[in-house]
């Protein structure tokens, strides 16, 4: 029996879809009944009410499980959210690890993030050799993902059969909430994007390839190892050019320098604190783009057969899905 946590999220619901394609009906641990209706509507699953922050519910949910895919996480770039992030991304992972041990789960696949490795440094391509380091993280979110990933590795040393995957920036269809990139794509289409960062860039990966990578890690990954999942890199200007081609809308004419993006992020942080809204831009997010992060999936390709699709195709598929599902 297979259990999926975080099944109503972008990665989680895509993973359930991939499992269904293989004829597998997973048990999904959910704590947001309203989200289930949309993100996993029509899919084949066994619903189990629970939460990774509730140890007792996980102990019951994992009973009889052969493999657990832990996709549950909370993502935020808003400053000052460390304690709330830690409750889900660290304490929740501790509960997952303990429930796996209690129920003698044969294998755990933990979904971490490239953020757990932190900033590799200018001109350096991130690889698994960097290891997890909270001190290198560029966001509080990254700190919590690094802390959790180190705990996972410690349990592997003690005998738990666990494999970790670290996706880069995730884009692609089945984006029901939508994510920040999904919102940005729709703003681009509607001409509501007044400017873009004229510096740096990032690595991106298709959510469907992440789901495949998770399954491959479960099937072929080496105990205690972790695998970076990336589809490729774009500068921010290249991303705008791709979206111009994909959406048919013109890219913004204004390209903002780093100092201006960072200044805007500084003042935006006061706005988010005052309104309680989720951050879209902060000083840290401006710095992440400046890092121009690049990563390698060579280890994943060699050891588990990871084979991502081209980034431009993913942007097109993400846009097409949003137009079909979010613009009605």
Protein backbone atom coordinates (compact mmCIF):
# COMPACT_ATOMS: atom_id res chain seq x y z
CA UNK A 1 0.00 0.00 0.00
CA UNK A 2 1.19 3.50 -0.90
CA UNK A 3 0.62 6.67 1.14
CA UNK A 4 0.98 10.24 -0.13
CA UNK A 5 1.12 13.29 2.13
CA UNK A 6 0.50 16.75 0.69
CA UNK A 7 -1.65 15.19 -2.01
CA UNK A 8 -3.66 18.35 -2.74
CA UNK A 9 -0.54 20.41 -3.48
CA UNK A 10 0.98 20.97 -6.91
CA UNK A 11 3.46 18.09 -6.62
CA UNK A 12 1.17 15.86 -4.57
CA UNK A 13 -1.85 15.87 -6.87
CA UNK A 14 0.40 15.33 -9.90
CA UNK A 15 1.98 12.35 -8.14
CA UNK A 16 -1.46 10.86 -7.45
CA UNK A 17 -2.24 11.21 -11.16
CA UNK A 18 0.95 9.36 -12.07
CA UNK A 19 0.17 6.60 -9.59
CA UNK A 20 -3.34 6.23 -11.06
CA UNK A 21 -1.80 5.85 -14.53
CA UNK A 22 0.04 2.84 -13.13
CA UNK A 23 -3.18 1.39 -11.77
CA UNK A 24 -2.32 2.31 -8.17
CA UNK A 25 -4.91 3.68 -5.75
CA UNK A 26 -2.92 5.46 -3.00
CA UNK A 27 -4.05 6.48 0.44
CA UNK A 28 -3.81 10.26 0.69
CA UNK A 29 -3.45 12.14 3.95
CA UNK A 30 -5.46 15.34 3.72
CA UNK A 31 -6.39 18.08 6.16
CA UNK A 32 -8.11 20.52 3.78
CA UNK A 33 -11.41 18.96 2.62
CA UNK A 34 -12.23 21.96 0.40
CA UNK A 35 -8.95 21.63 -1.49
CA UNK A 36 -9.56 17.96 -2.18
CA UNK A 37 -12.66 18.66 -4.25
CA UNK A 38 -10.66 20.54 -6.87
CA UNK A 39 -7.07 19.26 -6.84
CA UNK A 40 -7.88 15.54 -6.80
CA UNK A 41 -11.42 15.52 -8.15
CA UNK A 42 -12.01 12.43 -10.28
CA UNK A 43 -8.85 10.68 -9.15
CA UNK A 44 -8.78 7.24 -7.53
CA UNK A 45 -7.63 7.34 -3.91
CA UNK A 46 -8.42 6.36 -0.36
CA UNK A 47 -8.94 9.47 1.76
CA UNK A 48 -7.48 9.61 5.27
CA UNK A 49 -8.07 12.67 7.44
CA UNK A 50 -4.81 13.66 9.00
CA UNK A 51 -1.98 16.16 9.16
CA UNK A 52 1.81 15.86 9.25
CA UNK A 53 1.76 18.12 12.32
CA UNK A 54 -0.48 15.58 14.09
CA UNK A 55 1.72 12.61 14.99
CA UNK A 56 -1.16 10.35 16.05
CA UNK A 57 -2.97 10.80 12.74
CA UNK A 58 0.19 9.89 10.81
CA UNK A 59 0.74 6.82 12.93
CA UNK A 60 -2.71 5.63 11.89
CA UNK A 61 -2.39 6.76 8.28
CA UNK A 62 0.86 4.86 7.70
CA UNK A 63 -0.44 1.57 9.11
CA UNK A 64 0.15 -1.15 6.52
CA UNK A 65 2.11 1.16 4.18
CA UNK A 66 4.89 -0.26 2.04
CA UNK A 67 6.06 3.11 0.75
CA UNK A 68 5.35 6.70 1.79
CA UNK A 69 5.80 9.71 -0.48
CA UNK A 70 6.13 12.78 1.71
CA UNK A 71 5.12 15.77 -0.44
CA UNK A 72 3.72 17.87 2.40
CA UNK A 73 5.35 21.27 2.86
CA UNK A 74 4.54 24.89 3.43
CA UNK A 75 6.18 27.37 1.05
CA UNK A 76 6.48 31.07 1.84
CA UNK A 77 8.90 33.86 0.99
CA UNK A 78 7.35 36.21 3.55
CA UNK A 79 9.94 37.23 6.17
CA UNK A 80 9.36 36.41 9.83
CA UNK A 81 7.57 33.11 9.18
CA UNK A 82 10.30 30.76 10.42
CA UNK A 83 8.38 29.30 13.37
CA UNK A 84 5.28 28.60 11.28
CA UNK A 85 7.40 27.14 8.47
CA UNK A 86 9.30 24.99 10.94
CA UNK A 87 6.10 23.51 12.35
CA UNK A 88 5.26 21.94 8.98
CA UNK A 89 8.63 21.58 7.26
CA UNK A 90 10.68 20.31 10.22
CA UNK A 91 8.38 19.13 13.02
CA UNK A 92 6.05 17.60 10.43
CA UNK A 93 8.95 15.68 8.88
CA UNK A 94 9.96 14.38 12.32
CA UNK A 95 6.43 13.02 12.67
CA UNK A 96 6.67 11.40 9.24
CA UNK A 97 9.98 9.77 10.12
CA UNK A 98 8.66 8.45 13.44
CA UNK A 99 5.46 7.12 11.86
CA UNK A 100 7.50 5.30 9.22
CA UNK A 101 9.65 3.67 11.88
CA UNK A 102 6.65 2.75 14.05
CA UNK A 103 4.85 1.12 11.13
CA UNK A 104 7.98 -0.46 9.63
CA UNK A 105 7.42 1.27 6.29
CA UNK A 106 9.70 -0.31 3.70
CA UNK A 107 10.71 2.97 2.01
CA UNK A 108 10.15 6.69 2.46
CA UNK A 109 10.66 9.17 -0.37
CA UNK A 110 11.02 12.66 1.03
CA UNK A 111 10.48 15.71 -1.19
CA UNK A 112 12.92 18.44 -0.20
CA UNK A 113 14.02 21.43 -2.32
CA UNK A 114 17.02 22.94 -4.04
CA UNK A 115 16.62 25.65 -1.38
CA UNK A 116 17.88 23.11 1.18
CA UNK A 117 21.32 23.24 -0.45
CA UNK A 118 21.48 27.02 -0.32
CA UNK A 119 23.42 29.40 -2.53
CA UNK A 120 26.24 27.53 -4.32
CA UNK A 121 28.02 30.79 -5.09
CA UNK A 122 28.39 32.84 -8.24
CA UNK A 123 29.17 30.72 -11.30
CA UNK A 124 28.95 27.42 -9.37
CA UNK A 125 26.54 24.71 -10.52
CA UNK A 126 24.71 23.12 -7.58
CA UNK A 127 25.26 19.37 -7.20
CA UNK A 128 24.58 16.82 -4.49
CA UNK A 129 28.19 17.15 -3.30
CA UNK A 130 27.22 20.48 -1.69
CA UNK A 131 25.09 18.74 0.89
CA UNK A 132 22.39 20.40 2.98
CA UNK A 133 23.34 23.55 4.87
CA UNK A 134 20.85 25.85 6.67
CA UNK A 135 23.52 28.56 6.90
CA UNK A 136 23.67 28.85 3.10
CA UNK A 137 19.88 29.11 2.67
CA UNK A 138 18.55 32.30 1.08
CA UNK A 139 15.03 32.04 2.54
CA UNK A 140 13.60 31.00 5.89
CA UNK A 141 11.78 28.33 3.88
CA UNK A 142 15.16 27.04 2.71
CA UNK A 143 16.46 26.95 6.28
CA UNK A 144 13.59 24.68 7.33
CA UNK A 145 13.98 22.42 4.30
CA UNK A 146 17.71 22.06 5.01
CA UNK A 147 17.11 21.29 8.68
CA UNK A 148 14.54 18.63 7.79
CA UNK A 149 16.76 17.09 5.12
CA UNK A 150 19.62 16.74 7.59
CA UNK A 151 17.26 14.94 10.00
CA UNK A 152 16.22 12.61 7.18
CA UNK A 153 19.86 11.78 6.47
CA UNK A 154 20.48 11.06 10.15
CA UNK A 155 17.61 8.56 10.18
CA UNK A 156 19.02 6.91 7.07
CA UNK A 157 22.31 6.39 8.92
CA UNK A 158 20.35 4.72 11.71
CA UNK A 159 18.77 2.27 9.26
CA UNK A 160 15.62 3.88 7.86
CA UNK A 161 15.25 3.25 4.12
CA UNK A 162 14.72 6.80 2.86
CA UNK A 163 15.55 8.60 -0.38
CA UNK A 164 15.26 12.37 -0.92
CA UNK A 165 14.58 14.40 -4.06
CA UNK A 166 15.35 18.11 -4.40
CA UNK A 167 13.43 19.84 -7.19
CA UNK A 168 14.37 23.32 -8.41
CA UNK A 169 11.63 25.87 -9.24
CA UNK A 170 8.52 23.83 -10.06
CA UNK A 171 6.18 24.83 -12.89
CA UNK A 172 3.65 22.99 -15.03
CA UNK A 173 -0.02 21.97 -15.21
CA UNK A 174 -2.38 20.90 -12.40
CA UNK A 175 -1.60 24.20 -10.66
CA UNK A 176 -4.91 24.53 -8.86
CA UNK A 177 -4.10 27.22 -6.28
CA UNK A 178 -2.17 28.62 -8.36
CA UNK A 179 1.49 28.98 -7.38
CA UNK A 180 3.40 32.26 -7.67
CA UNK A 181 4.66 31.35 -11.14
CA UNK A 182 1.13 30.49 -12.26
CA UNK A 183 -0.10 33.87 -11.07
CA UNK A 184 2.80 35.59 -12.83
CA UNK A 185 2.04 33.79 -16.10
CA UNK A 186 -1.58 34.94 -16.02
CA UNK A 187 -0.54 38.49 -15.16
CA UNK A 188 1.83 38.38 -18.13
CA UNK A 189 -0.97 37.26 -20.42
CA UNK A 190 -3.28 40.04 -19.19
CA UNK A 191 -0.61 42.72 -19.52
CA UNK A 192 -0.55 43.28 -15.76
CA UNK A 193 3.19 42.72 -15.42
CA UNK A 194 4.68 46.23 -15.55
CA UNK A 195 8.32 45.17 -15.32
CA UNK A 196 10.60 42.20 -14.73
CA UNK A 197 13.98 41.59 -13.07
CA UNK A 198 16.56 42.49 -15.70
CA UNK A 199 19.23 40.37 -14.06
CA UNK A 200 19.84 36.78 -13.01
CA UNK A 201 17.65 33.75 -13.56
CA UNK A 202 16.76 30.34 -12.15
CA UNK A 203 16.46 26.64 -12.89
CA UNK A 204 13.02 25.18 -13.58
CA UNK A 205 11.51 21.70 -13.71
CA UNK A 206 8.14 20.35 -14.87
CA UNK A 207 5.89 19.16 -12.05
CA UNK A 208 5.13 16.02 -14.08
CA UNK A 209 8.86 15.28 -14.27
CA UNK A 210 9.12 15.84 -10.52
CA UNK A 211 6.37 13.27 -9.99
CA UNK A 212 8.21 10.84 -12.26
CA UNK A 213 11.44 11.58 -10.40
CA UNK A 214 9.77 10.81 -7.08
CA UNK A 215 8.55 7.47 -8.39
CA UNK A 216 11.96 6.67 -9.88
CA UNK A 217 13.62 7.53 -6.58
CA UNK A 218 11.23 5.14 -4.86
CA UNK A 219 12.05 2.38 -7.34
CA UNK A 220 15.78 2.90 -8.02
CA UNK A 221 17.15 5.44 -5.56
CA UNK A 222 19.93 4.40 -3.21
CA UNK A 223 19.14 4.38 0.50
CA UNK A 224 20.22 7.60 2.17
CA UNK A 225 20.97 9.41 -1.11
CA UNK A 226 19.35 12.53 -2.53
CA UNK A 227 18.78 13.62 -6.12
CA UNK A 228 18.49 17.08 -7.63
CA UNK A 229 15.69 17.36 -10.19
CA UNK A 230 16.04 20.13 -12.78
CA UNK A 231 14.82 20.63 -16.32
CA UNK A 232 17.01 23.54 -17.30
CA UNK A 233 17.94 27.17 -16.76
CA UNK A 234 16.55 30.43 -18.07
CA UNK A 235 17.64 33.97 -17.43
CA UNK A 236 14.74 36.21 -16.47
CA UNK A 237 14.91 37.88 -19.88
CA UNK A 238 14.80 34.48 -21.61
CA UNK A 239 11.78 33.54 -19.50
CA UNK A 240 10.00 36.71 -20.61
CA UNK A 241 10.80 35.90 -24.24
CA UNK A 242 9.42 32.37 -23.82
CA UNK A 243 6.22 33.70 -22.27
CA UNK A 244 5.86 36.23 -25.08
CA UNK A 245 5.99 33.38 -27.58
CA UNK A 246 3.71 31.12 -25.52
CA UNK A 247 1.01 33.64 -24.57
CA UNK A 248 1.04 35.95 -27.58
CA UNK A 249 1.32 38.96 -25.24
CA UNK A 250 4.20 41.41 -25.34
CA UNK A 251 6.85 41.19 -22.64
CA UNK A 252 7.26 44.22 -20.34
CA UNK A 253 9.53 46.91 -21.71
CA UNK A 254 10.98 47.77 -18.32
CA UNK A 255 13.79 45.60 -16.93
CA UNK A 256 14.56 46.48 -13.31
CA UNK A 257 18.11 46.34 -11.91
CA UNK A 258 18.84 44.39 -8.75
CA UNK A 259 19.16 47.44 -6.49
CA UNK A 260 15.69 48.60 -7.49
CA UNK A 261 14.12 45.15 -7.05
CA UNK A 262 15.75 44.85 -3.63
CA UNK A 263 14.51 48.31 -2.63
CA UNK A 264 11.00 47.43 -3.80
CA UNK A 265 11.22 44.23 -1.78
CA UNK A 266 12.21 46.18 1.32
CA UNK A 267 9.12 48.38 1.19
CA UNK A 268 6.90 45.48 0.08
CA UNK A 269 7.79 43.59 3.26
CA UNK A 270 6.12 46.31 5.35
CA UNK A 271 3.02 46.03 3.17
CA UNK A 272 2.81 42.26 3.62
CA UNK A 273 3.28 42.59 7.37
CA UNK A 274 0.58 45.25 7.56
CA UNK A 275 -1.99 43.44 5.35
CA UNK A 276 -1.14 39.86 6.27
CA UNK A 277 -0.97 38.95 2.58
CA UNK A 278 1.46 36.38 1.20
CA UNK A 279 4.61 37.96 -0.21
CA UNK A 280 5.25 38.17 -3.94
CA UNK A 281 8.54 40.06 -3.77
CA UNK A 282 10.98 40.50 -0.88
CA UNK A 283 14.64 41.36 -0.53
CA UNK A 284 15.42 37.66 -0.25
CA UNK A 285 13.50 36.77 -3.41
CA UNK A 286 15.35 39.53 -5.27
CA UNK A 287 18.64 38.07 -4.01
CA UNK A 288 17.70 34.55 -5.11
CA UNK A 289 17.22 35.76 -8.67
CA UNK A 290 20.55 37.59 -8.46
CA UNK A 291 22.25 34.32 -7.53
CA UNK A 292 21.28 33.05 -11.02
CA UNK A 293 21.04 29.55 -9.55
CA UNK A 294 22.04 26.69 -11.80
CA UNK A 295 21.84 23.02 -10.85
CA UNK A 296 22.75 19.63 -12.29
CA UNK A 297 20.59 16.49 -12.51
CA UNK A 298 23.40 14.28 -13.79
CA UNK A 299 23.27 12.07 -10.71
CA UNK A 300 19.49 11.60 -11.05
CA UNK A 301 19.83 10.85 -14.76
CA UNK A 302 22.59 8.32 -14.18
CA UNK A 303 21.27 6.52 -11.10
CA UNK A 304 17.47 6.59 -11.42
CA UNK A 305 16.85 7.38 -15.10
CA UNK A 306 15.46 10.91 -14.65
CA UNK A 307 14.58 12.37 -18.07
CA UNK A 308 13.06 15.88 -17.92
CA UNK A 309 11.30 17.62 -20.83
CA UNK A 310 12.44 20.99 -22.27
CA UNK A 311 11.70 24.02 -20.10
CA UNK A 312 9.99 25.94 -22.91
CA UNK A 313 7.51 23.10 -23.39
CA UNK A 314 6.72 23.19 -19.67
CA UNK A 315 5.98 26.93 -19.75
CA UNK A 316 3.66 26.33 -22.71
CA UNK A 317 1.85 23.45 -20.99
CA UNK A 318 1.52 25.44 -17.77
CA UNK A 319 0.01 28.37 -19.67
CA UNK A 320 -2.35 26.15 -21.68
CA UNK A 321 -3.57 24.47 -18.48
CA UNK A 322 -4.14 27.80 -16.74
CA UNK A 323 -6.06 29.17 -19.71
CA UNK A 324 -8.29 26.11 -19.77
CA UNK A 325 -8.86 25.90 -16.03
CA UNK A 326 -8.36 29.34 -14.50
CA UNK A 327 -9.58 31.88 -17.03
CA UNK A 328 -13.24 30.83 -17.20
